[in-house]
Amino acid sequence: MALEPSEVIAAAIEAARPEADAKRIAIETRLASGPNIAADPRRLRQIASNLIGNAIKFTPEGGKVTVALAREHGAMELCIRDTGPGIAPEFLPRVFDAFSQADPSLTRAHRGLGIGLALVQHFVVRQGGTIDVASPGPGQGTTFTVRIPARVA
């Protein structure tokens, strides 16, 4: 299905805004528009909603979440960066494993089951894309980058 990714991402941001506002978390956006691409809008919305929701969930009060959408190297690139607790380098390779939690006590406090990122990865791959995660380490935030080929519809 042909869609304008920036509209889908903007809708996911607006749906998450009340939770961000409640924690006084600023959401900074940079959404580049471009030609429509062939993708499933429901899945793209689920991908964005989960990643934005996680960023807000794990970012402390008064922090910041940045959502950037760009066209890079023939792909739609969605980057979601937060100022949360970050992820230890030894856990990064397992972050997309189902039921895998870096700090179960932190995740339990935020009501997580450990399946959201596994589902996100599945949805991204089904769209022909990739997802990466980066974190300089504990206390330094996390960045998720989703790339989906910009197959012009």
C-alpha atoms as a PDB file:
ATOM      1  CA  MET A   1       0.000   0.000   0.000  1.00  0.00           C
ATOM      2  CA  ALA A   2       1.313   3.467  -0.860  1.00  0.00           C
ATOM      3  CA  LEU A   3       1.745   5.852   2.044  1.00  0.00           C
ATOM      4  CA  GLU A   4       3.459   9.019   3.139  1.00  0.00           C
ATOM      5  CA  PRO A   5       5.654   7.860   6.061  1.00  0.00           C
ATOM      6  CA  SER A   6       5.804  11.272   7.742  1.00  0.00           C
ATOM      7  CA  GLU A   7       2.013  11.262   8.227  1.00  0.00           C
ATOM      8  CA  VAL A   8       2.112   7.830   9.884  1.00  0.00           C
ATOM      9  CA  ILE A   9       5.034   8.802  12.149  1.00  0.00           C
ATOM     10  CA  ALA A  10       3.384  12.119  13.078  1.00  0.00           C
ATOM     11  CA  ALA A  11       0.228  10.247  14.117  1.00  0.00           C
ATOM     12  CA  ALA A  12       2.291   7.912  16.342  1.00  0.00           C
ATOM     13  CA  ILE A  13       3.982  10.920  17.962  1.00  0.00           C
ATOM     14  CA  GLU A  14       0.653  12.630  18.662  1.00  0.00           C
ATOM     15  CA  ALA A  15      -0.736   9.448  20.217  1.00  0.00           C
ATOM     16  CA  ALA A  16       2.287   9.313  22.564  1.00  0.00           C
ATOM     17  CA  ARG A  17       2.275  13.006  23.453  1.00  0.00           C
ATOM     18  CA  PRO A  18      -0.013  12.762  26.541  1.00  0.00           C
ATOM     19  CA  GLU A  19       2.366  10.269  28.176  1.00  0.00           C
ATOM     20  CA  ALA A  20       5.362  12.471  27.319  1.00  0.00           C
ATOM     21  CA  ASP A  21       3.596  15.572  28.645  1.00  0.00           C
ATOM     22  CA  ALA A  22       2.766  13.790  31.903  1.00  0.00           C
ATOM     23  CA  LYS A  23       6.506  13.159  32.424  1.00  0.00           C
ATOM     24  CA  ARG A  24       7.528  16.594  31.086  1.00  0.00           C
ATOM     25  CA  ILE A  25       9.487  14.882  28.299  1.00  0.00           C
ATOM     26  CA  ALA A  26      10.137  17.032  25.254  1.00  0.00           C
ATOM     27  CA  ILE A  27       9.543  15.354  21.900  1.00  0.00           C
ATOM     28  CA  GLU A  28      11.733  16.880  19.215  1.00  0.00           C
ATOM     29  CA  THR A  29      10.739  15.986  15.657  1.00  0.00           C
ATOM     30  CA  ARG A  30      12.424  16.225  12.278  1.00  0.00           C
ATOM     31  CA  LEU A  31      10.101  14.592   9.763  1.00  0.00           C
ATOM     32  CA  ALA A  32      11.151  14.836   6.135  1.00  0.00           C
ATOM     33  CA  SER A  33       8.385  14.180   3.652  1.00  0.00           C
ATOM     34  CA  GLY A  34       8.951  12.659   0.286  1.00  0.00           C
ATOM     35  CA  PRO A  35       7.344  10.442  -2.289  1.00  0.00           C
ATOM     36  CA  ASN A  36       4.939   7.774  -1.138  1.00  0.00           C
ATOM     37  CA  ILE A  37       6.474   4.395  -0.468  1.00  0.00           C
ATOM     38  CA  ALA A  38       4.997   0.905  -0.565  1.00  0.00           C
ATOM     39  CA  ALA A  39       4.553  -0.259   3.030  1.00  0.00           C
ATOM     40  CA  ASP A  40       1.895  -1.443   5.445  1.00  0.00           C
ATOM     41  CA  PRO A  41       0.714   1.676   7.310  1.00  0.00           C
ATOM     42  CA  ARG A  42      -0.553  -0.314  10.324  1.00  0.00           C
ATOM     43  CA  ARG A  43       2.797  -2.015  10.785  1.00  0.00           C
ATOM     44  CA  LEU A  44       4.733   1.216  10.311  1.00  0.00           C
ATOM     45  CA  ARG A  45       2.516   2.842  12.932  1.00  0.00           C
ATOM     46  CA  GLN A  46       3.086  -0.099  15.312  1.00  0.00           C
ATOM     47  CA  ILE A  47       6.847   0.122  14.791  1.00  0.00           C
ATOM     48  CA  ALA A  48       6.907   3.857  15.477  1.00  0.00           C
ATOM     49  CA  SER A  49       4.446   3.666  18.376  1.00  0.00           C
ATOM     50  CA  ASN A  50       6.395   0.934  20.153  1.00  0.00           C
ATOM     51  CA  LEU A  51       9.774   2.631  19.760  1.00  0.00           C
ATOM     52  CA  ILE A  52       8.460   6.076  20.733  1.00  0.00           C
ATOM     53  CA  GLY A  53       6.524   4.578  23.662  1.00  0.00           C
ATOM     54  CA  ASN A  54       9.606   2.740  24.913  1.00  0.00           C
ATOM     55  CA  ALA A  55      11.704   5.890  24.617  1.00  0.00           C
ATOM     56  CA  ILE A  56       9.191   7.825  26.695  1.00  0.00           C
ATOM     57  CA  LYS A  57       8.742   4.971  29.163  1.00  0.00           C
ATOM     58  CA  PHE A  58      12.449   4.690  29.928  1.00  0.00           C
ATOM     59  CA  THR A  59      13.350   8.389  29.771  1.00  0.00           C
ATOM     60  CA  PRO A  60      13.330  10.076  33.154  1.00  0.00           C
ATOM     61  CA  GLU A  61      11.064  13.015  33.872  1.00  0.00           C
ATOM     62  CA  GLY A  62      12.281  16.181  32.158  1.00  0.00           C
ATOM     63  CA  GLY A  63      14.222  14.265  29.473  1.00  0.00           C
ATOM     64  CA  LYS A  64      14.011  14.384  25.704  1.00  0.00           C
ATOM     65  CA  VAL A  65      13.015  12.032  22.892  1.00  0.00           C
ATOM     66  CA  THR A  66      14.021  12.851  19.322  1.00  0.00           C
ATOM     67  CA  VAL A  67      12.133  11.366  16.372  1.00  0.00           C
ATOM     68  CA  ALA A  68      13.742  11.918  12.969  1.00  0.00           C
ATOM     69  CA  LEU A  69      12.521  10.656   9.608  1.00  0.00           C
ATOM     70  CA  ALA A  70      14.782  11.011   6.577  1.00  0.00           C
ATOM     71  CA  ARG A  71      15.434   9.507   3.175  1.00  0.00           C
ATOM     72  CA  GLU A  72      18.903   7.967   3.198  1.00  0.00           C
ATOM     73  CA  HIS A  73      20.560   5.799   0.554  1.00  0.00           C
ATOM     74  CA  GLY A  74      17.323   4.689  -1.102  1.00  0.00           C
ATOM     75  CA  ALA A  75      15.577   3.950   2.186  1.00  0.00           C
ATOM     76  CA  MET A  76      13.237   5.573   4.649  1.00  0.00           C
ATOM     77  CA  GLU A  77      15.235   6.017   7.848  1.00  0.00           C
ATOM     78  CA  LEU A  78      13.498   6.502  11.184  1.00  0.00           C
ATOM     79  CA  CYS A  79      15.710   7.324  14.185  1.00  0.00           C
ATOM     80  CA  ILE A  80      14.351   7.475  17.710  1.00  0.00           C
ATOM     81  CA  ARG A  81      16.806   8.727  20.314  1.00  0.00           C
ATOM     82  CA  ASP A  82      16.186   9.177  24.019  1.00  0.00           C
ATOM     83  CA  THR A  83      17.985  10.550  27.061  1.00  0.00           C
ATOM     84  CA  GLY A  84      17.098   7.499  29.135  1.00  0.00           C
ATOM     85  CA  PRO A  85      19.269   5.058  31.060  1.00  0.00           C
ATOM     86  CA  GLY A  86      20.927   3.582  27.976  1.00  0.00           C
ATOM     87  CA  ILE A  87      21.835  -0.042  27.405  1.00  0.00           C
ATOM     88  CA  ALA A  88      24.982  -1.807  28.554  1.00  0.00           C
ATOM     89  CA  PRO A  89      27.214  -2.860  25.622  1.00  0.00           C
ATOM     90  CA  GLU A  90      27.058  -6.544  26.598  1.00  0.00           C
ATOM     91  CA  PHE A  91      23.248  -6.511  26.323  1.00  0.00           C
ATOM     92  CA  LEU A  92      22.969  -4.775  22.927  1.00  0.00           C
ATOM     93  CA  PRO A  93      23.249  -8.036  20.893  1.00  0.00           C
ATOM     94  CA  ARG A  94      20.238  -9.473  22.794  1.00  0.00           C
ATOM     95  CA  VAL A  95      17.982  -6.416  22.855  1.00  0.00           C
ATOM     96  CA  PHE A  96      15.647  -7.850  20.164  1.00  0.00           C
ATOM     97  CA  ASP A  97      15.403 -11.317  21.737  1.00  0.00           C
ATOM     98  CA  ALA A  98      11.910 -12.139  23.012  1.00  0.00           C
ATOM     99  CA  PHE A  99      11.591 -12.020  26.812  1.00  0.00           C
ATOM    100  CA  SER A 100      15.085 -10.580  27.102  1.00  0.00           C
ATOM    101  CA  GLN A 101      15.456  -7.744  29.602  1.00  0.00           C
ATOM    102  CA  ALA A 102      18.656  -5.926  30.461  1.00  0.00           C
ATOM    103  CA  ASP A 103      17.402  -4.944  33.916  1.00  0.00           C
ATOM    104  CA  PRO A 104      14.249  -6.880  34.827  1.00  0.00           C
ATOM    105  CA  SER A 105      13.615  -4.708  37.887  1.00  0.00           C
ATOM    106  CA  LEU A 106      13.544  -1.565  35.720  1.00  0.00           C
ATOM    107  CA  THR A 107      11.348  -3.209  33.088  1.00  0.00           C
ATOM    108  CA  ARG A 108       8.937  -4.563  35.718  1.00  0.00           C
ATOM    109  CA  ALA A 109       8.608  -1.071  37.147  1.00  0.00           C
ATOM    110  CA  HIS A 110       7.497   0.045  33.681  1.00  0.00           C
ATOM    111  CA  ARG A 111       5.225  -2.980  33.054  1.00  0.00           C
ATOM    112  CA  GLY A 112       7.228  -4.563  30.246  1.00  0.00           C
ATOM    113  CA  LEU A 113       7.078  -8.190  29.170  1.00  0.00           C
ATOM    114  CA  GLY A 114      10.169  -8.174  26.988  1.00  0.00           C
ATOM    115  CA  ILE A 115       8.383  -8.928  23.699  1.00  0.00           C
ATOM    116  CA  GLY A 116       7.841  -5.463  22.203  1.00  0.00           C
ATOM    117  CA  LEU A 117      11.233  -5.093  20.546  1.00  0.00           C
ATOM    118  CA  ALA A 118      11.102  -8.646  19.191  1.00  0.00           C
ATOM    119  CA  LEU A 119       7.770  -7.792  17.548  1.00  0.00           C
ATOM    120  CA  VAL A 120       9.126  -4.509  16.207  1.00  0.00           C
ATOM    121  CA  GLN A 121      12.064  -6.317  14.638  1.00  0.00           C
ATOM    122  CA  HIS A 122       9.681  -8.853  13.077  1.00  0.00           C
ATOM    123  CA  PHE A 123       7.487  -6.089  11.621  1.00  0.00           C
ATOM    124  CA  VAL A 124      10.513  -4.216  10.245  1.00  0.00           C
ATOM    125  CA  VAL A 125      11.909  -7.336   8.578  1.00  0.00           C
ATOM    126  CA  ARG A 126       8.471  -8.095   7.071  1.00  0.00           C
ATOM    127  CA  GLN A 127       8.610  -4.639   5.444  1.00  0.00           C
ATOM    128  CA  GLY A 128      11.990  -5.578   3.910  1.00  0.00           C
ATOM    129  CA  GLY A 129      13.864  -3.392   6.370  1.00  0.00           C
ATOM    130  CA  THR A 130      16.421  -3.495   9.139  1.00  0.00           C
ATOM    131  CA  ILE A 131      16.561  -2.184  12.691  1.00  0.00           C
ATOM    132  CA  ASP A 132      19.655  -1.303  14.686  1.00  0.00           C
ATOM    133  CA  VAL A 133      20.224  -0.152  18.228  1.00  0.00           C
ATOM    134  CA  ALA A 134      23.077   1.902  19.641  1.00  0.00           C
ATOM    135  CA  SER A 135      23.865   3.137  23.111  1.00  0.00           C
ATOM    136  CA  PRO A 136      27.114   4.582  24.409  1.00  0.00           C
ATOM    137  CA  GLY A 137      26.329   2.763  27.663  1.00  0.00           C
ATOM    138  CA  PRO A 138      24.422   3.112  30.914  1.00  0.00           C
ATOM    139  CA  GLY A 139      23.139   6.615  31.583  1.00  0.00           C
ATOM    140  CA  GLN A 140      23.751   7.824  28.028  1.00  0.00           C
ATOM    141  CA  GLY A 141      20.498   7.149  26.197  1.00  0.00           C
ATOM    142  CA  THR A 142      19.621   4.839  23.322  1.00  0.00           C
ATOM    143  CA  THR A 143      19.054   5.239  19.588  1.00  0.00           C
ATOM    144  CA  PHE A 144      16.964   2.884  17.467  1.00  0.00           C
ATOM    145  CA  THR A 145      17.319   3.216  13.705  1.00  0.00           C
ATOM    146  CA  VAL A 146      14.794   1.629  11.333  1.00  0.00           C
ATOM    147  CA  ARG A 147      15.537   1.486   7.604  1.00  0.00           C
ATOM    148  CA  ILE A 148      12.835   0.432   5.168  1.00  0.00           C
ATOM    149  CA  PRO A 149      13.550   0.446   1.424  1.00  0.00           C
ATOM    150  CA  ALA A 150      11.864   3.380  -0.276  1.00  0.00           C
ATOM    151  CA  ARG A 151      10.066   1.342  -2.891  1.00  0.00           C
ATOM    152  CA  VAL A 152       8.206   4.025  -4.772  1.00  0.00           C
ATOM    153  CA  ALA A 153       4.554   3.090  -5.103  1.00  0.00           C
END
